[in-house]
C-alpha atoms as a PDB file:
ATOM      1  CA  MET A   1     103.854 -46.507 280.065  1.00  0.00           C
ATOM      2  CA  HIS A   2     100.505 -45.936 281.644  1.00  0.00           C
ATOM      3  CA  GLY A   3      99.123 -44.732 278.305  1.00  0.00           C
ATOM      4  CA  LEU A   4     100.383 -47.852 276.555  1.00  0.00           C
ATOM      5  CA  HIS A   5      98.702 -50.050 279.182  1.00  0.00           C
ATOM      6  CA  SER A   6      95.368 -48.336 278.667  1.00  0.00           C
ATOM      7  CA  ILE A   7      95.718 -48.611 274.865  1.00  0.00           C
ATOM      8  CA  ALA A   8      96.527 -52.319 275.203  1.00  0.00           C
ATOM      9  CA  ARG A   9      93.613 -52.774 277.574  1.00  0.00           C
ATOM     10  CA  ARG A  10      91.246 -50.924 275.224  1.00  0.00           C
ATOM     11  CA  ALA A  11      92.529 -53.006 272.301  1.00  0.00           C
ATOM     12  CA  SER A  12      91.948 -56.247 274.201  1.00  0.00           C
ATOM     13  CA  VAL A  13      88.461 -55.084 275.208  1.00  0.00           C
ATOM     14  CA  THR A  14      87.764 -54.283 271.529  1.00  0.00           C
ATOM     15  CA  VAL A  15      88.966 -57.745 270.491  1.00  0.00           C
ATOM     16  CA  VAL A  16      86.783 -59.396 273.147  1.00  0.00           C
ATOM     17  CA  LEU A  17      83.816 -57.313 271.999  1.00  0.00           C
ATOM     18  CA  LEU A  18      84.419 -58.340 268.384  1.00  0.00           C
ATOM     19  CA  PHE A  19      84.478 -61.989 269.448  1.00  0.00           C
ATOM     20  CA  VAL A  20      81.230 -61.562 271.368  1.00  0.00           C
ATOM     21  CA  MET A  21      79.618 -59.806 268.380  1.00  0.00           C
ATOM     22  CA  ALA A  22      80.829 -62.520 266.000  1.00  0.00           C
ATOM     23  CA  ALA A  23      79.468 -65.229 268.308  1.00  0.00           C
ATOM     24  CA  GLN A  24      76.152 -63.400 268.537  1.00  0.00           C
ATOM     25  CA  ALA A  25      76.011 -63.049 264.765  1.00  0.00           C
ATOM     26  CA  ALA A  26      76.612 -66.797 264.461  1.00  0.00           C
ATOM     27  CA  THR A  27      73.790 -67.597 266.873  1.00  0.00           C
ATOM     28  CA  ASN A  28      71.479 -65.222 264.964  1.00  0.00           C
ATOM     29  CA  ARG A  29      72.090 -66.885 261.598  1.00  0.00           C
ATOM     30  CA  LEU A  30      70.990 -70.219 260.174  1.00  0.00           C
ATOM     31  CA  VAL A  31      72.440 -71.779 257.036  1.00  0.00           C
ATOM     32  CA  ILE A  32      70.177 -74.269 255.220  1.00  0.00           C
ATOM     33  CA  THR A  33      71.262 -76.092 252.040  1.00  0.00           C
ATOM     34  CA  GLY A  34      70.139 -78.967 249.816  1.00  0.00           C
ATOM     35  CA  SER A  35      67.220 -80.231 247.751  1.00  0.00           C
ATOM     36  CA  SER A  36      66.094 -77.852 244.986  1.00  0.00           C
ATOM     37  CA  THR A  37      62.593 -79.316 245.451  1.00  0.00           C
ATOM     38  CA  ILE A  38      62.389 -78.104 249.061  1.00  0.00           C
ATOM     39  CA  ALA A  39      64.523 -74.924 248.790  1.00  0.00           C
ATOM     40  CA  PRO A  40      61.691 -72.615 247.566  1.00  0.00           C
ATOM     41  CA  LEU A  41      59.442 -73.831 250.410  1.00  0.00           C
ATOM     42  CA  ALA A  42      62.272 -73.520 252.957  1.00  0.00           C
ATOM     43  CA  ALA A  43      62.916 -69.953 251.718  1.00  0.00           C
ATOM     44  CA  GLU A  44      59.238 -69.017 252.252  1.00  0.00           C
ATOM     45  CA  ILE A  45      59.242 -70.586 255.732  1.00  0.00           C
ATOM     46  CA  ALA A  46      62.508 -68.728 256.457  1.00  0.00           C
ATOM     47  CA  LYS A  47      60.951 -65.390 255.452  1.00  0.00           C
ATOM     48  CA  ARG A  48      58.049 -65.915 257.831  1.00  0.00           C
ATOM     49  CA  PHE A  49      60.413 -67.094 260.583  1.00  0.00           C
ATOM     50  CA  GLU A  50      62.585 -63.969 260.141  1.00  0.00           C
ATOM     51  CA  THR A  51      59.497 -61.725 260.298  1.00  0.00           C
ATOM     52  CA  GLN A  52      58.468 -63.310 263.602  1.00  0.00           C
ATOM     53  CA  ASN A  53      62.043 -63.264 264.967  1.00  0.00           C
ATOM     54  CA  PRO A  54      63.578 -59.833 264.246  1.00  0.00           C
ATOM     55  CA  GLY A  55      67.378 -59.891 264.013  1.00  0.00           C
ATOM     56  CA  ILE A  56      67.472 -63.534 262.854  1.00  0.00           C
ATOM     57  CA  ARG A  57      68.883 -64.277 259.388  1.00  0.00           C
ATOM     58  CA  VAL A  58      68.131 -67.547 257.567  1.00  0.00           C
ATOM     59  CA  ASP A  59      70.200 -68.273 254.457  1.00  0.00           C
ATOM     60  CA  VAL A  60      68.694 -70.941 252.133  1.00  0.00           C
ATOM     61  CA  GLN A  61      70.740 -72.409 249.248  1.00  0.00           C
ATOM     62  CA  SER A  62      69.823 -75.272 246.891  1.00  0.00           C
ATOM     63  CA  GLY A  63      72.101 -77.815 245.206  1.00  0.00           C
ATOM     64  CA  GLY A  64      70.418 -81.197 245.622  1.00  0.00           C
ATOM     65  CA  SER A  65      69.629 -83.606 248.473  1.00  0.00           C
ATOM     66  CA  SER A  66      73.159 -85.057 248.431  1.00  0.00           C
ATOM     67  CA  ARG A  67      74.562 -81.611 249.184  1.00  0.00           C
ATOM     68  CA  GLY A  68      72.039 -81.110 252.007  1.00  0.00           C
ATOM     69  CA  VAL A  69      73.076 -84.380 253.648  1.00  0.00           C
ATOM     70  CA  ALA A  70      76.815 -83.676 253.192  1.00  0.00           C
ATOM     71  CA  ASP A  71      76.549 -80.093 254.500  1.00  0.00           C
ATOM     72  CA  ALA A  72      74.485 -81.087 257.552  1.00  0.00           C
ATOM     73  CA  ARG A  73      77.015 -83.817 258.319  1.00  0.00           C
ATOM     74  CA  SER A  74      80.114 -81.609 257.907  1.00  0.00           C
ATOM     75  CA  GLY A  75      78.596 -78.641 259.750  1.00  0.00           C
ATOM     76  CA  LEU A  76      78.697 -76.392 256.657  1.00  0.00           C
ATOM     77  CA  ALA A  77      74.940 -76.072 257.117  1.00  0.00           C
ATOM     78  CA  ASP A  78      72.900 -75.977 260.334  1.00  0.00           C
ATOM     79  CA  ILE A  79      70.087 -77.793 258.521  1.00  0.00           C
ATOM     80  CA  GLY A  80      70.162 -79.862 255.311  1.00  0.00           C
ATOM     81  CA  LEU A  81      67.275 -80.371 252.882  1.00  0.00           C
ATOM     82  CA  ALA A  82      66.624 -83.889 251.546  1.00  0.00           C
ATOM     83  CA  SER A  83      63.551 -84.685 249.456  1.00  0.00           C
ATOM     84  CA  ARG A  84      63.763 -88.404 250.221  1.00  0.00           C
ATOM     85  CA  SER A  85      64.084 -90.796 253.139  1.00  0.00           C
ATOM     86  CA  LEU A  86      67.562 -91.085 254.630  1.00  0.00           C
ATOM     87  CA  LYS A  87      69.664 -94.066 253.541  1.00  0.00           C
ATOM     88  CA  ASP A  88      71.146 -96.625 255.939  1.00  0.00           C
ATOM     89  CA  SER A  89      74.529 -94.915 255.507  1.00  0.00           C
ATOM     90  CA  GLU A  90      72.965 -91.633 256.694  1.00  0.00           C
ATOM     91  CA  LYS A  91      71.480 -92.847 259.965  1.00  0.00           C
ATOM     92  CA  ASP A  92      73.899 -90.584 261.874  1.00  0.00           C
ATOM     93  CA  LEU A  93      71.581 -87.743 260.833  1.00  0.00           C
ATOM     94  CA  THR A  94      68.067 -86.959 262.044  1.00  0.00           C
ATOM     95  CA  PRO A  95      65.233 -86.326 259.531  1.00  0.00           C
ATOM     96  CA  HIS A  96      62.288 -84.008 260.255  1.00  0.00           C
ATOM     97  CA  THR A  97      59.481 -84.462 257.711  1.00  0.00           C
ATOM     98  CA  ILE A  98      57.777 -81.145 256.904  1.00  0.00           C
ATOM     99  CA  ALA A  99      55.639 -82.242 253.913  1.00  0.00           C
ATOM    100  CA  MET A 100      55.044 -85.011 251.356  1.00  0.00           C
ATOM    101  CA  ASP A 101      55.572 -84.853 247.611  1.00  0.00           C
ATOM    102  CA  GLY A 102      54.702 -87.129 244.711  1.00  0.00           C
ATOM    103  CA  VAL A 103      56.704 -87.705 241.548  1.00  0.00           C
ATOM    104  CA  GLY A 104      54.747 -88.104 238.337  1.00  0.00           C
ATOM    105  CA  ILE A 105      55.646 -89.276 234.824  1.00  0.00           C
ATOM    106  CA  ILE A 106      54.942 -86.505 232.300  1.00  0.00           C
ATOM    107  CA  LEU A 107      54.405 -86.569 228.545  1.00  0.00           C
ATOM    108  CA  HIS A 108      53.733 -83.799 226.048  1.00  0.00           C
ATOM    109  CA  GLN A 109      50.034 -82.883 226.050  1.00  0.00           C
ATOM    110  CA  SER A 110      49.705 -83.838 222.358  1.00  0.00           C
ATOM    111  CA  ASN A 111      50.900 -87.410 223.056  1.00  0.00           C
ATOM    112  CA  ALA A 112      47.952 -89.768 222.482  1.00  0.00           C
ATOM    113  CA  ILE A 113      49.141 -92.226 225.176  1.00  0.00           C
ATOM    114  CA  ALA A 114      46.783 -92.189 228.183  1.00  0.00           C
ATOM    115  CA  ALA A 115      48.667 -94.613 230.451  1.00  0.00           C
ATOM    116  CA  LEU A 116      51.801 -96.767 230.553  1.00  0.00           C
ATOM    117  CA  SER A 117      52.581 -99.958 232.452  1.00  0.00           C
ATOM    118  CA  ASP A 118      55.674-100.178 234.673  1.00  0.00           C
ATOM    119  CA  ALA A 119      57.245-102.515 232.075  1.00  0.00           C
ATOM    120  CA  GLN A 120      56.623 -99.961 229.301  1.00  0.00           C
ATOM    121  CA  ILE A 121      58.067 -97.131 231.420  1.00  0.00           C
ATOM    122  CA  LYS A 122      61.217 -99.200 232.034  1.00  0.00           C
ATOM    123  CA  ALA A 123      61.541-100.082 228.325  1.00  0.00           C
ATOM    124  CA  LEU A 124      61.110 -96.423 227.312  1.00  0.00           C
ATOM    125  CA  PHE A 125      63.777 -95.188 229.730  1.00  0.00           C
ATOM    126  CA  ARG A 126      66.119 -98.042 228.757  1.00  0.00           C
ATOM    127  CA  GLY A 127      65.824 -97.003 225.109  1.00  0.00           C
ATOM    128  CA  GLN A 128      64.264-100.338 224.150  1.00  0.00           C
ATOM    129  CA  ILE A 129      61.162 -98.526 222.853  1.00  0.00           C
ATOM    130  CA  LYS A 130      62.379 -95.815 220.480  1.00  0.00           C
ATOM    131  CA  ASN A 131      59.112 -94.779 218.829  1.00  0.00           C
ATOM    132  CA  TRP A 132      55.731 -94.026 220.413  1.00  0.00           C
ATOM    133  CA  LYS A 133      53.937 -96.144 217.789  1.00  0.00           C
ATOM    134  CA  GLU A 134      55.427 -99.228 219.544  1.00  0.00           C
ATOM    135  CA  VAL A 135      53.110 -98.539 222.502  1.00  0.00           C
ATOM    136  CA  GLY A 136      50.092 -97.471 220.439  1.00  0.00           C
ATOM    137  CA  GLY A 137      50.956 -93.811 219.959  1.00  0.00           C
ATOM    138  CA  LYS A 138      51.883 -91.674 216.954  1.00  0.00           C
ATOM    139  CA  ASP A 139      54.899 -92.318 214.719  1.00  0.00           C
ATOM    140  CA  LEU A 140      57.160 -90.116 216.836  1.00  0.00           C
ATOM    141  CA  THR A 141      60.680 -90.614 218.219  1.00  0.00           C
ATOM    142  CA  VAL A 142      60.877 -90.970 221.997  1.00  0.00           C
ATOM    143  CA  THR A 143      63.025 -88.387 223.828  1.00  0.00           C
ATOM    144  CA  VAL A 144      63.994 -89.545 227.320  1.00  0.00           C
ATOM    145  CA  VAL A 145      64.471 -86.722 229.845  1.00  0.00           C
ATOM    146  CA  ASN A 146      66.356 -87.881 232.941  1.00  0.00           C
ATOM    147  CA  LYS A 147      67.401 -86.129 236.165  1.00  0.00           C
ATOM    148  CA  ALA A 148      71.018 -85.406 237.063  1.00  0.00           C
ATOM    149  CA  GLU A 149      72.955 -87.498 239.606  1.00  0.00           C
ATOM    150  CA  GLY A 150      72.340 -86.464 243.205  1.00  0.00           C
ATOM    151  CA  ARG A 151      68.718 -85.472 242.544  1.00  0.00           C
ATOM    152  CA  SER A 152      66.286 -87.200 244.868  1.00  0.00           C
ATOM    153  CA  THR A 153      63.629 -87.420 242.122  1.00  0.00           C
ATOM    154  CA  LEU A 154      66.105 -89.581 240.185  1.00  0.00           C
ATOM    155  CA  GLU A 155      66.707 -91.806 243.223  1.00  0.00           C
ATOM    156  CA  LEU A 156      62.979 -92.213 243.864  1.00  0.00           C
ATOM    157  CA  PHE A 157      62.325 -92.992 240.180  1.00  0.00           C
ATOM    158  CA  LEU A 158      65.130 -95.602 240.120  1.00  0.00           C
ATOM    159  CA  HIS A 159      63.828 -97.152 243.349  1.00  0.00           C
ATOM    160  CA  TYR A 160      60.285 -97.354 241.939  1.00  0.00           C
ATOM    161  CA  THR A 161      61.256 -98.795 238.523  1.00  0.00           C
ATOM    162  CA  GLY A 162      64.137-100.966 239.707  1.00  0.00           C
ATOM    163  CA  LEU A 163      66.334 -99.375 237.035  1.00  0.00           C
ATOM    164  CA  LYS A 164      69.973 -98.399 237.480  1.00  0.00           C
ATOM    165  CA  ASN A 165      70.908 -94.900 236.312  1.00  0.00           C
ATOM    166  CA  SER A 166      73.518 -96.432 233.974  1.00  0.00           C
ATOM    167  CA  GLU A 167      70.685 -98.291 232.152  1.00  0.00           C
ATOM    168  CA  ILE A 168      68.789 -95.102 231.310  1.00  0.00           C
ATOM    169  CA  LYS A 169      69.416 -93.946 227.754  1.00  0.00           C
ATOM    170  CA  ALA A 170      68.655 -90.248 228.122  1.00  0.00           C
ATOM    171  CA  GLN A 171      68.680 -87.698 225.313  1.00  0.00           C
ATOM    172  CA  MET A 172      68.476 -84.912 227.912  1.00  0.00           C
ATOM    173  CA  VAL A 173      69.687 -84.670 231.506  1.00  0.00           C
ATOM    174  CA  ILE A 174      68.138 -81.891 233.566  1.00  0.00           C
ATOM    175  CA  GLY A 175      68.363 -80.505 237.098  1.00  0.00           C
ATOM    176  CA  ASP A 176      65.232 -79.096 238.689  1.00  0.00           C
ATOM    177  CA  ASN A 177      61.488 -79.619 238.126  1.00  0.00           C
ATOM    178  CA  GLN A 178      61.005 -76.444 236.062  1.00  0.00           C
ATOM    179  CA  GLN A 179      63.751 -77.514 233.665  1.00  0.00           C
ATOM    180  CA  GLY A 180      62.079 -80.923 233.330  1.00  0.00           C
ATOM    181  CA  ILE A 181      58.683 -79.379 232.603  1.00  0.00           C
ATOM    182  CA  LYS A 182      60.139 -76.953 230.021  1.00  0.00           C
ATOM    183  CA  SER A 183      62.012 -79.798 228.277  1.00  0.00           C
ATOM    184  CA  VAL A 184      58.891 -81.986 227.938  1.00  0.00           C
ATOM    185  CA  ALA A 185      56.639 -79.032 227.004  1.00  0.00           C
ATOM    186  CA  ALA A 186      59.026 -78.159 224.156  1.00  0.00           C
ATOM    187  CA  ASN A 187      59.232 -81.693 222.715  1.00  0.00           C
ATOM    188  CA  PRO A 188      56.134 -83.671 221.567  1.00  0.00           C
ATOM    189  CA  GLY A 189      58.035 -86.987 221.866  1.00  0.00           C
ATOM    190  CA  ALA A 190      59.442 -86.420 225.348  1.00  0.00           C
ATOM    191  CA  ILE A 191      58.916 -88.421 228.549  1.00  0.00           C
ATOM    192  CA  GLY A 192      60.198 -87.260 231.937  1.00  0.00           C
ATOM    193  CA  TYR A 193      59.300 -87.211 235.630  1.00  0.00           C
ATOM    194  CA  VAL A 194      58.872 -84.300 238.021  1.00  0.00           C
ATOM    195  CA  SER A 195      57.197 -83.258 241.255  1.00  0.00           C
ATOM    196  CA  ILE A 196      53.422 -83.832 240.889  1.00  0.00           C
ATOM    197  CA  GLY A 197      52.397 -80.575 242.570  1.00  0.00           C
ATOM    198  CA  THR A 198      54.458 -78.460 240.183  1.00  0.00           C
ATOM    199  CA  ALA A 199      53.315 -80.456 237.136  1.00  0.00           C
ATOM    200  CA  GLU A 200      49.653 -80.312 238.204  1.00  0.00           C
ATOM    201  CA  TYR A 201      49.887 -76.524 238.563  1.00  0.00           C
ATOM    202  CA  GLU A 202      51.635 -76.084 235.185  1.00  0.00           C
ATOM    203  CA  GLU A 203      49.137 -78.376 233.452  1.00  0.00           C
ATOM    204  CA  LYS A 204      46.192 -76.390 234.841  1.00  0.00           C
ATOM    205  CA  HIS A 205      47.820 -73.145 233.686  1.00  0.00           C
ATOM    206  CA  GLY A 206      48.195 -74.157 230.050  1.00  0.00           C
ATOM    207  CA  THR A 207      51.708 -75.644 229.904  1.00  0.00           C
ATOM    208  CA  PRO A 208      51.447 -78.422 227.256  1.00  0.00           C
ATOM    209  CA  ILE A 209      52.295 -81.392 229.492  1.00  0.00           C
ATOM    210  CA  LYS A 210      50.215 -84.171 231.022  1.00  0.00           C
ATOM    211  CA  LEU A 211      50.685 -86.417 234.030  1.00  0.00           C
ATOM    212  CA  ILE A 212      49.904 -90.092 233.448  1.00  0.00           C
ATOM    213  CA  PRO A 213      48.403 -92.472 236.041  1.00  0.00           C
ATOM    214  CA  LEU A 214      50.338 -95.320 237.672  1.00  0.00           C
ATOM    215  CA  HIS A 215      48.503 -98.619 238.297  1.00  0.00           C
ATOM    216  CA  GLY A 216      45.256 -96.814 237.482  1.00  0.00           C
ATOM    217  CA  VAL A 217      45.839 -94.171 240.170  1.00  0.00           C
ATOM    218  CA  VAL A 218      45.782 -90.609 238.841  1.00  0.00           C
ATOM    219  CA  ALA A 219      48.880 -88.513 239.604  1.00  0.00           C
ATOM    220  CA  THR A 220      47.417 -85.789 241.847  1.00  0.00           C
ATOM    221  CA  VAL A 221      48.392 -84.066 245.064  1.00  0.00           C
ATOM    222  CA  ALA A 222      45.170 -85.461 246.562  1.00  0.00           C
ATOM    223  CA  ASN A 223      46.268 -89.044 245.841  1.00  0.00           C
ATOM    224  CA  VAL A 224      49.697 -88.373 247.362  1.00  0.00           C
ATOM    225  CA  LYS A 225      47.869 -87.074 250.438  1.00  0.00           C
ATOM    226  CA  ASN A 226      45.676 -90.173 250.798  1.00  0.00           C
ATOM    227  CA  GLY A 227      48.659 -92.478 250.251  1.00  0.00           C
ATOM    228  CA  SER A 228      47.271 -94.213 247.135  1.00  0.00           C
ATOM    229  CA  PHE A 229      49.906 -92.903 244.692  1.00  0.00           C
ATOM    230  CA  ALA A 230      52.957 -95.168 244.620  1.00  0.00           C
ATOM    231  CA  LEU A 231      55.642 -92.650 243.639  1.00  0.00           C
ATOM    232  CA  SER A 232      55.783 -90.398 246.677  1.00  0.00           C
ATOM    233  CA  ARG A 233      58.435 -89.197 249.112  1.00  0.00           C
ATOM    234  CA  PRO A 234      58.948 -87.265 252.342  1.00  0.00           C
ATOM    235  CA  LEU A 235      60.434 -83.758 252.267  1.00  0.00           C
ATOM    236  CA  ASN A 236      62.907 -83.621 255.143  1.00  0.00           C
ATOM    237  CA  LEU A 237      64.896 -81.113 257.097  1.00  0.00           C
ATOM    238  CA  VAL A 238      68.046 -82.931 258.238  1.00  0.00           C
ATOM    239  CA  THR A 239      70.157 -82.217 261.322  1.00  0.00           C
ATOM    240  CA  GLN A 240      73.095 -83.768 263.135  1.00  0.00           C
ATOM    241  CA  GLY A 241      71.398 -85.407 266.110  1.00  0.00           C
ATOM    242  CA  ALA A 242      68.537 -83.544 267.761  1.00  0.00           C
ATOM    243  CA  PRO A 243      68.512 -79.871 266.745  1.00  0.00           C
ATOM    244  CA  VAL A 244      69.280 -77.294 269.431  1.00  0.00           C
ATOM    245  CA  GLY A 245      68.879 -73.552 269.836  1.00  0.00           C
ATOM    246  CA  LEU A 246      67.876 -71.597 266.751  1.00  0.00           C
ATOM    247  CA  ALA A 247      67.911 -74.711 264.521  1.00  0.00           C
ATOM    248  CA  LYS A 248      65.417 -76.405 266.863  1.00  0.00           C
ATOM    249  CA  ARG A 249      63.156 -73.354 266.825  1.00  0.00           C
ATOM    250  CA  PHE A 250      63.219 -73.330 263.009  1.00  0.00           C
ATOM    251  CA  VAL A 251      62.551 -77.086 262.707  1.00  0.00           C
ATOM    252  CA  ASP A 252      59.630 -76.854 265.172  1.00  0.00           C
ATOM    253  CA  PHE A 253      58.206 -73.897 263.242  1.00  0.00           C
ATOM    254  CA  ALA A 254      58.591 -75.690 259.867  1.00  0.00           C
ATOM    255  CA  LYS A 255      56.741 -78.750 261.248  1.00  0.00           C
ATOM    256  CA  SER A 256      53.891 -76.710 262.719  1.00  0.00           C
ATOM    257  CA  GLY A 257      50.489 -75.788 261.297  1.00  0.00           C
ATOM    258  CA  ALA A 258      51.764 -72.189 261.069  1.00  0.00           C
ATOM    259  CA  VAL A 259      53.267 -72.973 257.641  1.00  0.00           C
ATOM    260  CA  ASP A 260      50.596 -75.286 256.126  1.00  0.00           C
ATOM    261  CA  ASP A 261      49.519 -72.501 253.747  1.00  0.00           C
ATOM    262  CA  LEU A 262      53.126 -72.160 252.505  1.00  0.00           C
ATOM    263  CA  VAL A 263      53.397 -75.945 251.996  1.00  0.00           C
ATOM    264  CA  GLU A 264      50.194 -75.969 249.953  1.00  0.00           C
ATOM    265  CA  ALA A 265      51.209 -72.867 247.963  1.00  0.00           C
ATOM    266  CA  GLN A 266      54.255 -74.867 246.760  1.00  0.00           C
ATOM    267  CA  PHE A 267      51.881 -77.727 245.749  1.00  0.00           C
ATOM    268  CA  PHE A 268      53.097 -80.129 248.410  1.00  0.00           C
ATOM    269  CA  VAL A 269      51.047 -82.091 250.924  1.00  0.00           C
ATOM    270  CA  ALA A 270      50.929 -80.718 254.468  1.00  0.00           C
ATOM    271  CA  MET A 271      51.509 -83.150 257.331  1.00  0.00           C
ATOM    272  CA  ALA A 272      48.913 -83.970 259.981  1.00  0.00           C
ATOM    273  CA  HIS A 273      49.757 -82.075 263.203  1.00  0.00           C
END
C-alpha cells in the first residue's frame, strides 16, 4: 500500500509540475497576428525583443487587419496588428500606434500619365474609364488592381475615394503590397495602390512602377511624415484593454526609440517619442 501511495504522490507531483511548466511556457510566449503590412516589422521587433529577453518566444503571423482585431478580441492572440484606425465597433480594444504609413496610387513606369484627379481615380476604379487615352495617355486598356476584402489598404482607399468595394470593377484582386507591385510592374496598363514606403523602395531599385501625386503632393515617406500626404494611416498594435505582463513589455518596446531603425528599414515613418 505504502508503495502505491508514494507512486500516486509522485504522479500528482509530476502533474503539478507539468501544469507549472505549461503555465510558465504560456507566460514566456506571445502570439501576435494580423495586418500583412505590419507583420514583417513586428517580426523584426520580435527578434530584437527575444534577443534582449532570453527564454521569451514571440510568434508573429499575418492574415490581415480584420484577423488581428478578431484574434485580439477572442484571445487567440495576445496582440493584434491593424494597419488602420479602429472602427467605432472596435472601441472595446486598445490601439498602440508604433508607426505611420502612406498608401500611394501606382502606375506602370511606362505610363505617360503624370497625375490624376480624385474624380479620374474614382472613374478608373469604377470602370468608367476603360482606356488611358481618355485621360490623355496612350491607347492602352486600363487594368484595375484592387485589394482583397479585409485588407486595411482597401479600407483606407475606399474611405479616401468615397467608393464602395462593390463599385470597383477590378481585373485583378491581390493580397499584400508585394503582390500589388508585381501585378502593376508586369502590366503597362495597370493601376493599383500600395504602401508608399515599399513602392518608393521598389521604384528606386528599378522595378517599373511609379507613384503619382495626390492634390499636387508627391507620394513620399517624407510627406507622410510631415502630414501633407492625404492617404496615410496609423500602424497599430491592438490589445484587449491595457496590456499587462509580457504583452505590455512588448508594446512598450515597440513604441520606443529602440526600434526606430527597424521602422525605417521597413520604409515606414517612426513616431515622435
